[in-house]
Structures are given as structure tokens and as C-alpha cells.
PDB file of all heavy atoms in Angstrom:
ATOM      1  N   VAL A   1     -15.788   0.543   6.814  1.00  0.00           N
ATOM      2  CA  VAL A   1     -15.680   0.552   8.304  1.00  0.00           C
ATOM      3  C   VAL A   1     -16.486   1.679   8.925  1.00  0.00           C
ATOM      4  O   VAL A   1     -17.153   1.469   9.954  1.00  0.00           O
ATOM      5  CB  VAL A   1     -14.197   0.690   8.769  1.00  0.00           C
ATOM      6  CG1 VAL A   1     -14.076   1.007  10.209  1.00  0.00           C
ATOM      7  CG2 VAL A   1     -13.417  -0.598   8.382  1.00  0.00           C
ATOM      8  N   ILE A   2     -16.488   2.835   8.286  1.00  0.00           N
ATOM      9  CA  ILE A   2     -17.170   3.927   8.804  1.00  0.00           C
ATOM     10  C   ILE A   2     -18.624   4.063   8.355  1.00  0.00           C
ATOM     11  O   ILE A   2     -19.396   4.891   8.920  1.00  0.00           O
ATOM     12  CB  ILE A   2     -16.416   5.279   8.559  1.00  0.00           C
ATOM     13  CG1 ILE A   2     -16.236   5.552   7.112  1.00  0.00           C
ATOM     14  CG2 ILE A   2     -15.094   5.264   9.254  1.00  0.00           C
ATOM     15  CD1 ILE A   2     -15.681   6.913   6.784  1.00  0.00           C
ATOM     16  N   THR A   3     -19.024   3.355   7.294  1.00  0.00           N
ATOM     17  CA  THR A   3     -20.437   3.417   6.829  1.00  0.00           C
ATOM     18  C   THR A   3     -21.244   2.224   7.184  1.00  0.00           C
ATOM     19  O   THR A   3     -22.419   2.290   7.022  1.00  0.00           O
ATOM     20  CB  THR A   3     -20.392   3.638   5.300  1.00  0.00           C
ATOM     21  OG1 THR A   3     -19.742   2.581   4.660  1.00  0.00           O
ATOM     22  CG2 THR A   3     -19.713   4.970   4.934  1.00  0.00           C
ATOM     23  N   ALA A   4     -20.601   1.170   7.627  1.00  0.00           N
ATOM     24  CA  ALA A   4     -21.398  -0.041   8.011  1.00  0.00           C
ATOM     25  C   ALA A   4     -22.269   0.200   9.183  1.00  0.00           C
ATOM     26  O   ALA A   4     -21.907   0.841  10.177  1.00  0.00           O
ATOM     27  CB  ALA A   4     -20.451  -1.220   8.265  1.00  0.00           C
ATOM     28  N   ARG A   5     -23.537  -0.228   9.143  1.00  0.00           N
ATOM     29  CA  ARG A   5     -24.449  -0.051  10.213  1.00  0.00           C
ATOM     30  C   ARG A   5     -24.246  -1.000  11.394  1.00  0.00           C
ATOM     31  O   ARG A   5     -24.475  -0.676  12.517  1.00  0.00           O
ATOM     32  CB  ARG A   5     -25.923  -0.141   9.736  1.00  0.00           C
ATOM     33  CG  ARG A   5     -26.303   0.913   8.738  1.00  0.00           C
ATOM     34  CD  ARG A   5     -27.749   0.834   8.358  1.00  0.00           C
ATOM     35  NE  ARG A   5     -28.136   1.850   7.429  1.00  0.00           N
ATOM     36  CZ  ARG A   5     -28.628   3.018   7.842  1.00  0.00           C
ATOM     37  NH1 ARG A   5     -28.711   3.281   9.097  1.00  0.00           N
ATOM     38  NH2 ARG A   5     -28.955   3.912   6.918  1.00  0.00           N
ATOM     39  N   ASN A   6     -23.834  -2.190  11.048  1.00  0.00           N
ATOM     40  CA  ASN A   6     -23.604  -3.229  12.118  1.00  0.00           C
ATOM     41  C   ASN A   6     -22.153  -3.081  12.558  1.00  0.00           C
ATOM     42  O   ASN A   6     -21.189  -3.127  11.756  1.00  0.00           O
ATOM     43  CB  ASN A   6     -23.843  -4.638  11.476  1.00  0.00           C
ATOM     44  CG  ASN A   6     -23.850  -5.658  12.492  1.00  0.00           C
ATOM     45  OD1 ASN A   6     -23.322  -5.559  13.605  1.00  0.00           O
ATOM     46  ND2 ASN A   6     -24.461  -6.763  12.125  1.00  0.00           N
ATOM     47  N   PRO A   7     -21.928  -2.982  13.888  1.00  0.00           N
ATOM     48  CA  PRO A   7     -20.559  -2.881  14.397  1.00  0.00           C
ATOM     49  C   PRO A   7     -19.686  -4.037  14.144  1.00  0.00           C
ATOM     50  O   PRO A   7     -18.485  -3.964  13.964  1.00  0.00           O
ATOM     51  CB  PRO A   7     -20.716  -2.654  15.866  1.00  0.00           C
ATOM     52  CG  PRO A   7     -22.142  -2.489  16.134  1.00  0.00           C
ATOM     53  CD  PRO A   7     -22.902  -2.876  14.964  1.00  0.00           C
ATOM     54  N   VAL A   8     -20.269  -5.290  14.138  1.00  0.00           N
ATOM     55  CA  VAL A   8     -19.511  -6.487  13.828  1.00  0.00           C
ATOM     56  C   VAL A   8     -19.019  -6.416  12.332  1.00  0.00           C
ATOM     57  O   VAL A   8     -17.891  -6.772  12.071  1.00  0.00           O
ATOM     58  CB  VAL A   8     -20.338  -7.784  14.103  1.00  0.00           C
ATOM     59  CG1 VAL A   8     -19.612  -8.943  13.683  1.00  0.00           C
ATOM     60  CG2 VAL A   8     -20.734  -7.799  15.519  1.00  0.00           C
ATOM     61  N   HIS A   9     -19.899  -6.022  11.422  1.00  0.00           N
ATOM     62  CA  HIS A   9     -19.481  -5.883  10.041  1.00  0.00           C
ATOM     63  C   HIS A   9     -18.380  -4.812   9.915  1.00  0.00           C
ATOM     64  O   HIS A   9     -17.406  -5.008   9.132  1.00  0.00           O
ATOM     65  CB  HIS A   9     -20.663  -5.528   9.163  1.00  0.00           C
ATOM     66  CG  HIS A   9     -21.688  -6.574   9.081  1.00  0.00           C
ATOM     67  ND1 HIS A   9     -22.948  -6.315   8.603  1.00  0.00           N
ATOM     68  CD2 HIS A   9     -21.669  -7.880   9.407  1.00  0.00           C
ATOM     69  CE1 HIS A   9     -23.631  -7.426   8.620  1.00  0.00           C
ATOM     70  NE2 HIS A   9     -22.908  -8.393   9.153  1.00  0.00           N
ATOM     71  N   ALA A  10     -18.466  -3.745  10.660  1.00  0.00           N
ATOM     72  CA  ALA A  10     -17.442  -2.702  10.656  1.00  0.00           C
ATOM     73  C   ALA A  10     -16.062  -3.244  11.082  1.00  0.00           C
ATOM     74  O   ALA A  10     -15.038  -2.943  10.556  1.00  0.00           O
ATOM     75  CB  ALA A  10     -17.817  -1.510  11.441  1.00  0.00           C
ATOM     76  N   ALA A  11     -16.180  -4.095  12.154  1.00  0.00           N
ATOM     77  CA  ALA A  11     -14.929  -4.658  12.608  1.00  0.00           C
ATOM     78  C   ALA A  11     -14.311  -5.663  11.623  1.00  0.00           C
ATOM     79  O   ALA A  11     -13.078  -5.684  11.471  1.00  0.00           O
ATOM     80  CB  ALA A  11     -15.193  -5.414  14.027  1.00  0.00           C
ATOM     81  N   LEU A  12     -15.178  -6.346  10.970  1.00  0.00           N
ATOM     82  CA  LEU A  12     -14.652  -7.323   9.944  1.00  0.00           C
ATOM     83  C   LEU A  12     -14.088  -6.533   8.762  1.00  0.00           C
ATOM     84  O   LEU A  12     -13.042  -6.976   8.137  1.00  0.00           O
ATOM     85  CB  LEU A  12     -15.759  -8.257   9.474  1.00  0.00           C
ATOM     86  CG  LEU A  12     -16.214  -9.242  10.569  1.00  0.00           C
ATOM     87  CD1 LEU A  12     -17.347 -10.048  10.097  1.00  0.00           C
ATOM     88  CD2 LEU A  12     -15.026 -10.071  11.025  1.00  0.00           C
ATOM     89  N   TYR A  13     -14.665  -5.386   8.350  1.00  0.00           N
ATOM     90  CA  TYR A  13     -14.095  -4.636   7.319  1.00  0.00           C
ATOM     91  C   TYR A  13     -12.739  -4.038   7.777  1.00  0.00           C
ATOM     92  O   TYR A  13     -11.836  -3.851   6.956  1.00  0.00           O
ATOM     93  CB  TYR A  13     -15.062  -3.469   6.926  1.00  0.00           C
ATOM     94  CG  TYR A  13     -16.086  -3.948   5.924  1.00  0.00           C
ATOM     95  CD1 TYR A  13     -17.460  -3.871   6.291  1.00  0.00           C
ATOM     96  CD2 TYR A  13     -15.780  -4.420   4.720  1.00  0.00           C
ATOM     97  CE1 TYR A  13     -18.482  -4.284   5.432  1.00  0.00           C
ATOM     98  CE2 TYR A  13     -16.781  -4.771   3.809  1.00  0.00           C
ATOM     99  CZ  TYR A  13     -18.090  -4.765   4.214  1.00  0.00           C
ATOM    100  OH  TYR A  13     -19.085  -5.106   3.335  1.00  0.00           O
ATOM    101  N   LEU A  14     -12.611  -3.757   9.061  1.00  0.00           N
ATOM    102  CA  LEU A  14     -11.389  -3.253   9.552  1.00  0.00           C
ATOM    103  C   LEU A  14     -10.291  -4.339   9.470  1.00  0.00           C
ATOM    104  O   LEU A  14      -9.109  -4.051   9.178  1.00  0.00           O
ATOM    105  CB  LEU A  14     -11.498  -2.747  11.025  1.00  0.00           C
ATOM    106  CG  LEU A  14     -10.318  -1.983  11.558  1.00  0.00           C
ATOM    107  CD1 LEU A  14      -9.951  -0.812  10.751  1.00  0.00           C
ATOM    108  CD2 LEU A  14     -10.721  -1.541  12.999  1.00  0.00           C
ATOM    109  N   VAL A  15     -10.647  -5.599   9.709  1.00  0.00           N
ATOM    110  CA  VAL A  15      -9.692  -6.740   9.470  1.00  0.00           C
ATOM    111  C   VAL A  15      -9.258  -6.745   8.065  1.00  0.00           C
ATOM    112  O   VAL A  15      -8.056  -6.932   7.749  1.00  0.00           O
ATOM    113  CB  VAL A  15     -10.347  -8.038   9.931  1.00  0.00           C
ATOM    114  CG1 VAL A  15      -9.510  -9.250   9.467  1.00  0.00           C
ATOM    115  CG2 VAL A  15     -10.590  -8.035  11.422  1.00  0.00           C
ATOM    116  N   LEU A  16     -10.144  -6.620   7.136  1.00  0.00           N
ATOM    117  CA  LEU A  16      -9.786  -6.567   5.744  1.00  0.00           C
ATOM    118  C   LEU A  16      -8.873  -5.400   5.395  1.00  0.00           C
ATOM    119  O   LEU A  16      -7.894  -5.562   4.689  1.00  0.00           O
ATOM    120  CB  LEU A  16     -11.070  -6.537   4.842  1.00  0.00           C
ATOM    121  CG  LEU A  16     -10.852  -6.306   3.304  1.00  0.00           C
ATOM    122  CD1 LEU A  16     -10.147  -7.548   2.720  1.00  0.00           C
ATOM    123  CD2 LEU A  16     -12.169  -6.122   2.616  1.00  0.00           C
ATOM    124  N   ALA A  17      -9.122  -4.259   6.011  1.00  0.00           N
ATOM    125  CA  ALA A  17      -8.238  -3.124   5.808  1.00  0.00           C
ATOM    126  C   ALA A  17      -6.855  -3.400   6.308  1.00  0.00           C
ATOM    127  O   ALA A  17      -5.835  -3.002   5.702  1.00  0.00           O
ATOM    128  CB  ALA A  17      -8.824  -1.871   6.428  1.00  0.00           C
ATOM    129  N   PHE A  18      -6.745  -4.041   7.521  1.00  0.00           N
ATOM    130  CA  PHE A  18      -5.436  -4.391   8.026  1.00  0.00           C
ATOM    131  C   PHE A  18      -4.711  -5.361   7.128  1.00  0.00           C
ATOM    132  O   PHE A  18      -3.476  -5.241   6.895  1.00  0.00           O
ATOM    133  CB  PHE A  18      -5.600  -5.000   9.426  1.00  0.00           C
ATOM    134  CG  PHE A  18      -5.909  -3.922  10.504  1.00  0.00           C
ATOM    135  CD1 PHE A  18      -6.634  -4.342  11.572  1.00  0.00           C
ATOM    136  CD2 PHE A  18      -5.399  -2.707  10.412  1.00  0.00           C
ATOM    137  CE1 PHE A  18      -6.917  -3.395  12.569  1.00  0.00           C
ATOM    138  CE2 PHE A  18      -5.708  -1.753  11.405  1.00  0.00           C
ATOM    139  CZ  PHE A  18      -6.456  -2.072  12.479  1.00  0.00           C
ATOM    140  N   PHE A  19      -5.458  -6.366   6.560  1.00  0.00           N
ATOM    141  CA  PHE A  19      -4.741  -7.302   5.679  1.00  0.00           C
ATOM    142  C   PHE A  19      -4.319  -6.640   4.425  1.00  0.00           C
ATOM    143  O   PHE A  19      -3.262  -6.902   3.885  1.00  0.00           O
ATOM    144  CB  PHE A  19      -5.717  -8.473   5.291  1.00  0.00           C
ATOM    145  CG  PHE A  19      -5.619  -9.582   6.246  1.00  0.00           C
ATOM    146  CD1 PHE A  19      -6.658  -9.894   7.130  1.00  0.00           C
ATOM    147  CD2 PHE A  19      -4.495 -10.432   6.310  1.00  0.00           C
ATOM    148  CE1 PHE A  19      -6.598 -10.964   8.000  1.00  0.00           C
ATOM    149  CE2 PHE A  19      -4.400 -11.478   7.199  1.00  0.00           C
ATOM    150  CZ  PHE A  19      -5.459 -11.756   8.051  1.00  0.00           C
ATOM    151  N   SER A  20      -5.088  -5.719   3.889  1.00  0.00           N
ATOM    152  CA  SER A  20      -4.658  -4.937   2.651  1.00  0.00           C
ATOM    153  C   SER A  20      -3.460  -4.074   2.993  1.00  0.00           C
ATOM    154  O   SER A  20      -2.571  -3.963   2.135  1.00  0.00           O
ATOM    155  CB  SER A  20      -5.801  -4.120   2.218  1.00  0.00           C
ATOM    156  OG  SER A  20      -6.928  -4.902   1.925  1.00  0.00           O
ATOM    157  N   ALA A  21      -3.468  -3.462   4.136  1.00  0.00           N
ATOM    158  CA  ALA A  21      -2.250  -2.635   4.481  1.00  0.00           C
ATOM    159  C   ALA A  21      -0.996  -3.519   4.685  1.00  0.00           C
ATOM    160  O   ALA A  21       0.088  -3.140   4.306  1.00  0.00           O
ATOM    161  CB  ALA A  21      -2.553  -1.881   5.791  1.00  0.00           C
ATOM    162  N   ALA A  22      -1.220  -4.727   5.202  1.00  0.00           N
ATOM    163  CA  ALA A  22      -0.106  -5.666   5.350  1.00  0.00           C
ATOM    164  C   ALA A  22       0.448  -6.051   3.980  1.00  0.00           C
ATOM    165  O   ALA A  22       1.667  -6.231   3.826  1.00  0.00           O
ATOM    166  CB  ALA A  22      -0.524  -6.855   6.181  1.00  0.00           C
ATOM    167  N   ALA A  23      -0.526  -6.272   3.048  1.00  0.00           N
ATOM    168  CA  ALA A  23      -0.006  -6.624   1.695  1.00  0.00           C
ATOM    169  C   ALA A  23       0.757  -5.451   1.045  1.00  0.00           C
ATOM    170  O   ALA A  23       1.762  -5.717   0.362  1.00  0.00           O
ATOM    171  CB  ALA A  23      -1.236  -6.963   0.824  1.00  0.00           C
ATOM    172  N   ILE A  24       0.337  -4.257   1.309  1.00  0.00           N
ATOM    173  CA  ILE A  24       1.128  -3.115   0.829  1.00  0.00           C
ATOM    174  C   ILE A  24       2.520  -3.054   1.474  1.00  0.00           C
ATOM    175  O   ILE A  24       3.484  -2.761   0.778  1.00  0.00           O
ATOM    176  CB  ILE A  24       0.332  -1.820   1.044  1.00  0.00           C
ATOM    177  CG1 ILE A  24      -0.908  -1.853   0.095  1.00  0.00           C
ATOM    178  CG2 ILE A  24       1.132  -0.601   0.696  1.00  0.00           C
ATOM    179  CD1 ILE A  24      -1.871  -0.673   0.332  1.00  0.00           C
ATOM    180  N   TRP A  25       2.573  -3.308   2.742  1.00  0.00           N
ATOM    181  CA  TRP A  25       3.863  -3.392   3.452  1.00  0.00           C
ATOM    182  C   TRP A  25       4.741  -4.477   2.769  1.00  0.00           C
ATOM    183  O   TRP A  25       6.013  -4.256   2.651  1.00  0.00           O
ATOM    184  CB  TRP A  25       3.738  -3.660   4.896  1.00  0.00           C
ATOM    185  CG  TRP A  25       3.390  -2.470   5.760  1.00  0.00           C
ATOM    186  CD1 TRP A  25       2.204  -2.297   6.461  1.00  0.00           C
ATOM    187  CD2 TRP A  25       4.154  -1.322   5.954  1.00  0.00           C
ATOM    188  NE1 TRP A  25       2.227  -1.086   7.068  1.00  0.00           N
ATOM    189  CE2 TRP A  25       3.440  -0.456   6.812  1.00  0.00           C
ATOM    190  CE3 TRP A  25       5.429  -0.907   5.570  1.00  0.00           C
ATOM    191  CZ2 TRP A  25       3.903   0.757   7.264  1.00  0.00           C
ATOM    192  CZ3 TRP A  25       5.875   0.316   5.972  1.00  0.00           C
ATOM    193  CH2 TRP A  25       5.183   1.107   6.816  1.00  0.00           C
ATOM    194  N   LEU A  26       4.134  -5.610   2.463  1.00  0.00           N
ATOM    195  CA  LEU A  26       4.970  -6.632   1.786  1.00  0.00           C
ATOM    196  C   LEU A  26       5.462  -6.165   0.415  1.00  0.00           C
ATOM    197  O   LEU A  26       6.588  -6.485   0.033  1.00  0.00           O
ATOM    198  CB  LEU A  26       4.111  -7.844   1.625  1.00  0.00           C
ATOM    199  CG  LEU A  26       3.894  -8.702   2.870  1.00  0.00           C
ATOM    200  CD1 LEU A  26       2.921  -9.885   2.602  1.00  0.00           C
ATOM    201  CD2 LEU A  26       5.247  -9.300   3.354  1.00  0.00           C
ATOM    202  N   LEU A  27       4.642  -5.390  -0.344  1.00  0.00           N
ATOM    203  CA  LEU A  27       5.072  -4.999  -1.607  1.00  0.00           C
ATOM    204  C   LEU A  27       6.159  -3.995  -1.458  1.00  0.00           C
ATOM    205  O   LEU A  27       7.113  -3.823  -2.339  1.00  0.00           O
ATOM    206  CB  LEU A  27       3.914  -4.301  -2.348  1.00  0.00           C
ATOM    207  CG  LEU A  27       2.805  -5.209  -2.856  1.00  0.00           C
ATOM    208  CD1 LEU A  27       1.672  -4.443  -3.510  1.00  0.00           C
ATOM    209  CD2 LEU A  27       3.357  -6.160  -3.907  1.00  0.00           C
TER     210      LEU A  27
END
């Protein structure tokens, strides 16, 4: 998220981070 040059790619990586955090909450 912080190293991606394209802002759209950074936002999509942030979506992946949110999904991973949600999976940890489920665990």
C-alpha cells in the first residue's frame, strides 16, 4: 500500500489488507 507507485494499485492492496484483517478477526 505504501510502496505502490500507482494509487489505484495501492487502494487495491488496501482492500487485500482489509480482507486479511477480517480473516484474522474471524480466527
